[in-house]
Amino acid sequence: MSTPSVNPPAAPAIPLSDDLRTAYIDLYSKLENEYQSNPDATAREAIEPQRDNVSNILTKDNMYRFNQDTALFQALQAQISSTTSGLKTLQTQINATASHFQTAASIVGAITKVLGLLGSL
């Protein structure tokens, strides 16, 4: 299961466009739901910092919209850059895990076939 990598613009418009803001909100929701429902500590450790980074982007965007402050603008740009790097890492980790599950599913299918044939002996 390969997810195409999407490269965001080097410096998105600030405040965030409505579409980009909505995409970050959706991403945060998905990360939060997975974090809360996934009992696997390794998965939670990978998800947690990225969930927090996305939350920080949304918070800084809110603050910039309210204050129109240069320092907040620079902080938001830095947060987006850092988060983008972390999201790419998380995407790579998820893709690697997904490929292991595909391999495992293939092996389980082969085992099931063998066991099914053995059961008929």
C-alpha atoms as a PDB file:
ATOM      1  CA  MET A   1       0.000   0.000   0.000  1.00  0.00           C
ATOM      2  CA  SER A   2       1.971   2.927  -1.278  1.00  0.00           C
ATOM      3  CA  THR A   3       0.820   6.445  -0.579  1.00  0.00           C
ATOM      4  CA  PRO A   4       2.155   9.032  -2.975  1.00  0.00           C
ATOM      5  CA  SER A   5       4.321  11.623  -1.330  1.00  0.00           C
ATOM      6  CA  VAL A   6       2.947  15.137  -1.634  1.00  0.00           C
ATOM      7  CA  ASN A   7       5.395  18.003  -1.428  1.00  0.00           C
ATOM      8  CA  PRO A   8       3.734  21.132  -0.040  1.00  0.00           C
ATOM      9  CA  PRO A   9       4.899  24.531  -1.224  1.00  0.00           C
ATOM     10  CA  ALA A  10       8.104  25.689   0.442  1.00  0.00           C
ATOM     11  CA  ALA A  11       6.298  28.589   2.121  1.00  0.00           C
ATOM     12  CA  PRO A  12       2.509  28.271   2.220  1.00  0.00           C
ATOM     13  CA  ALA A  13       0.466  31.439   2.472  1.00  0.00           C
ATOM     14  CA  ILE A  14       0.017  32.634   6.031  1.00  0.00           C
ATOM     15  CA  PRO A  15      -2.543  32.655   7.439  1.00  0.00           C
ATOM     16  CA  LEU A  16      -3.201  29.202   6.033  1.00  0.00           C
ATOM     17  CA  SER A  17      -5.639  28.957   3.159  1.00  0.00           C
ATOM     18  CA  ASP A  18      -9.028  27.525   4.067  1.00  0.00           C
ATOM     19  CA  ASP A  19      -8.257  24.331   2.110  1.00  0.00           C
ATOM     20  CA  LEU A  20      -4.883  23.807   3.781  1.00  0.00           C
ATOM     21  CA  ARG A  21      -6.325  24.595   7.216  1.00  0.00           C
ATOM     22  CA  THR A  22      -9.140  22.090   6.621  1.00  0.00           C
ATOM     23  CA  ALA A  23      -6.583  19.488   5.512  1.00  0.00           C
ATOM     24  CA  TYR A  24      -4.551  20.042   8.711  1.00  0.00           C
ATOM     25  CA  ILE A  25      -7.738  19.757  10.814  1.00  0.00           C
ATOM     26  CA  ASP A  26      -8.625  16.490   9.064  1.00  0.00           C
ATOM     27  CA  LEU A  27      -5.083  15.164   9.517  1.00  0.00           C
ATOM     28  CA  TYR A  28      -5.121  16.106  13.202  1.00  0.00           C
ATOM     29  CA  SER A  29      -8.451  14.333  13.686  1.00  0.00           C
ATOM     30  CA  LYS A  30      -7.156  11.156  12.049  1.00  0.00           C
ATOM     31  CA  LEU A  31      -3.902  11.218  14.035  1.00  0.00           C
ATOM     32  CA  GLU A  32      -5.794  11.858  17.295  1.00  0.00           C
ATOM     33  CA  ASN A  33      -8.271   9.039  16.640  1.00  0.00           C
ATOM     34  CA  GLU A  34      -5.482   6.612  15.796  1.00  0.00           C
ATOM     35  CA  TYR A  35      -3.450   7.698  18.819  1.00  0.00           C
ATOM     36  CA  GLN A  36      -6.408   7.233  21.166  1.00  0.00           C
ATOM     37  CA  SER A  37      -7.500   3.874  19.731  1.00  0.00           C
ATOM     38  CA  ASN A  38      -4.169   2.195  18.994  1.00  0.00           C
ATOM     39  CA  PRO A  39      -2.828   0.072  21.860  1.00  0.00           C
ATOM     40  CA  ASP A  40       0.570  -0.396  20.170  1.00  0.00           C
ATOM     41  CA  ALA A  41       3.156   1.700  22.036  1.00  0.00           C
ATOM     42  CA  THR A  42       5.461   1.972  19.010  1.00  0.00           C
ATOM     43  CA  ALA A  43       2.665   3.303  16.815  1.00  0.00           C
ATOM     44  CA  ARG A  44       1.597   5.742  19.518  1.00  0.00           C
ATOM     45  CA  GLU A  45       5.195   6.979  19.919  1.00  0.00           C
ATOM     46  CA  ALA A  46       5.388   7.638  16.171  1.00  0.00           C
ATOM     47  CA  ILE A  47       1.980   9.325  15.980  1.00  0.00           C
ATOM     48  CA  GLU A  48       2.099  11.487  19.127  1.00  0.00           C
ATOM     49  CA  PRO A  49       4.753  14.035  18.109  1.00  0.00           C
ATOM     50  CA  GLN A  50       3.236  14.492  14.651  1.00  0.00           C
ATOM     51  CA  ARG A  51      -0.250  14.926  16.141  1.00  0.00           C
ATOM     52  CA  ASP A  52       1.176  17.566  18.486  1.00  0.00           C
ATOM     53  CA  ASN A  53       3.030  19.302  15.637  1.00  0.00           C
ATOM     54  CA  VAL A  54      -0.138  19.554  13.555  1.00  0.00           C
ATOM     55  CA  SER A  55      -1.982  20.902  16.597  1.00  0.00           C
ATOM     56  CA  ASN A  56       0.779  23.505  17.010  1.00  0.00           C
ATOM     57  CA  ILE A  57       0.376  24.598  13.379  1.00  0.00           C
ATOM     58  CA  LEU A  58      -3.351  25.130  13.914  1.00  0.00           C
ATOM     59  CA  THR A  59      -2.752  26.985  17.186  1.00  0.00           C
ATOM     60  CA  LYS A  60      -0.091  29.245  15.664  1.00  0.00           C
ATOM     61  CA  ASP A  61      -2.312  29.916  12.655  1.00  0.00           C
ATOM     62  CA  ASN A  62      -5.131  30.944  15.018  1.00  0.00           C
ATOM     63  CA  MET A  63      -2.750  33.211  16.918  1.00  0.00           C
ATOM     64  CA  TYR A  64      -1.427  34.789  13.718  1.00  0.00           C
ATOM     65  CA  ARG A  65      -4.955  35.371  12.408  1.00  0.00           C
ATOM     66  CA  PHE A  66      -5.749  37.190  15.643  1.00  0.00           C
ATOM     67  CA  ASN A  67      -2.518  39.165  16.090  1.00  0.00           C
ATOM     68  CA  GLN A  68      -0.970  39.489  12.590  1.00  0.00           C
ATOM     69  CA  ASP A  69       2.453  39.382  14.279  1.00  0.00           C
ATOM     70  CA  THR A  70       5.746  38.891  12.391  1.00  0.00           C
ATOM     71  CA  ALA A  71       7.213  36.661  15.103  1.00  0.00           C
ATOM     72  CA  LEU A  72       4.119  34.446  14.972  1.00  0.00           C
ATOM     73  CA  PHE A  73       4.408  34.360  11.179  1.00  0.00           C
ATOM     74  CA  GLN A  74       7.990  33.124  11.456  1.00  0.00           C
ATOM     75  CA  ALA A  75       7.049  30.631  14.194  1.00  0.00           C
ATOM     76  CA  LEU A  76       4.252  29.243  12.040  1.00  0.00           C
ATOM     77  CA  GLN A  77       6.557  28.899   9.035  1.00  0.00           C
ATOM     78  CA  ALA A  78       9.129  27.066  11.183  1.00  0.00           C
ATOM     79  CA  GLN A  79       6.414  24.811  12.644  1.00  0.00           C
ATOM     80  CA  ILE A  80       5.138  23.925   9.163  1.00  0.00           C
ATOM     81  CA  SER A  81       8.659  23.098   7.986  1.00  0.00           C
ATOM     82  CA  SER A  82       9.400  20.933  11.033  1.00  0.00           C
ATOM     83  CA  THR A  83       6.017  19.202  10.891  1.00  0.00           C
ATOM     84  CA  THR A  84       6.340  18.498   7.176  1.00  0.00           C
ATOM     85  CA  SER A  85       9.625  16.716   7.819  1.00  0.00           C
ATOM     86  CA  GLY A  86       8.075  14.675  10.646  1.00  0.00           C
ATOM     87  CA  LEU A  87       5.013  13.817   8.563  1.00  0.00           C
ATOM     88  CA  LYS A  88       7.221  12.525   5.760  1.00  0.00           C
ATOM     89  CA  THR A  89       9.006  10.298   8.299  1.00  0.00           C
ATOM     90  CA  LEU A  90       5.673   9.033   9.659  1.00  0.00           C
ATOM     91  CA  GLN A  91       4.423   8.399   6.120  1.00  0.00           C
ATOM     92  CA  THR A  92       7.549   6.333   5.394  1.00  0.00           C
ATOM     93  CA  GLN A  93       7.099   4.360   8.632  1.00  0.00           C
ATOM     94  CA  ILE A  94       3.433   3.649   7.847  1.00  0.00           C
ATOM     95  CA  ASN A  95       4.266   2.599   4.283  1.00  0.00           C
ATOM     96  CA  ALA A  96       6.982   0.252   5.592  1.00  0.00           C
ATOM     97  CA  THR A  97       4.585  -1.255   8.118  1.00  0.00           C
ATOM     98  CA  ALA A  98       1.868  -1.614   5.492  1.00  0.00           C
ATOM     99  CA  SER A  99       4.245  -3.526   3.217  1.00  0.00           C
ATOM    100  CA  HIS A 100       5.014  -5.901   6.091  1.00  0.00           C
ATOM    101  CA  PHE A 101       1.296  -6.505   6.553  1.00  0.00           C
ATOM    102  CA  GLN A 102       0.934  -7.236   2.830  1.00  0.00           C
ATOM    103  CA  THR A 103       3.778  -9.750   3.062  1.00  0.00           C
ATOM    104  CA  ALA A 104       2.270 -11.239   6.214  1.00  0.00           C
ATOM    105  CA  ALA A 105      -1.138 -11.525   4.539  1.00  0.00           C
ATOM    106  CA  SER A 106       0.485 -13.387   1.661  1.00  0.00           C
ATOM    107  CA  ILE A 107       2.236 -15.759   4.065  1.00  0.00           C
ATOM    108  CA  VAL A 108      -0.941 -16.282   6.107  1.00  0.00           C
ATOM    109  CA  GLY A 109      -2.806 -17.043   2.859  1.00  0.00           C
ATOM    110  CA  ALA A 110      -0.177 -19.631   1.904  1.00  0.00           C
ATOM    111  CA  ILE A 111      -0.300 -21.178   5.393  1.00  0.00           C
ATOM    112  CA  THR A 112      -4.103 -21.322   5.244  1.00  0.00           C
ATOM    113  CA  LYS A 113      -3.910 -23.073   1.896  1.00  0.00           C
ATOM    114  CA  VAL A 114      -1.397 -25.626   3.195  1.00  0.00           C
ATOM    115  CA  LEU A 115      -3.405 -26.229   6.369  1.00  0.00           C
ATOM    116  CA  GLY A 116      -6.582 -26.545   4.310  1.00  0.00           C
ATOM    117  CA  LEU A 117      -4.960 -29.144   2.103  1.00  0.00           C
ATOM    118  CA  LEU A 118      -3.545 -30.941   5.139  1.00  0.00           C
ATOM    119  CA  GLY A 119      -7.004 -31.009   6.679  1.00  0.00           C
ATOM    120  CA  SER A 120      -8.279 -32.934   3.675  1.00  0.00           C
ATOM    121  CA  LEU A 121      -5.663 -35.689   4.085  1.00  0.00           C
END
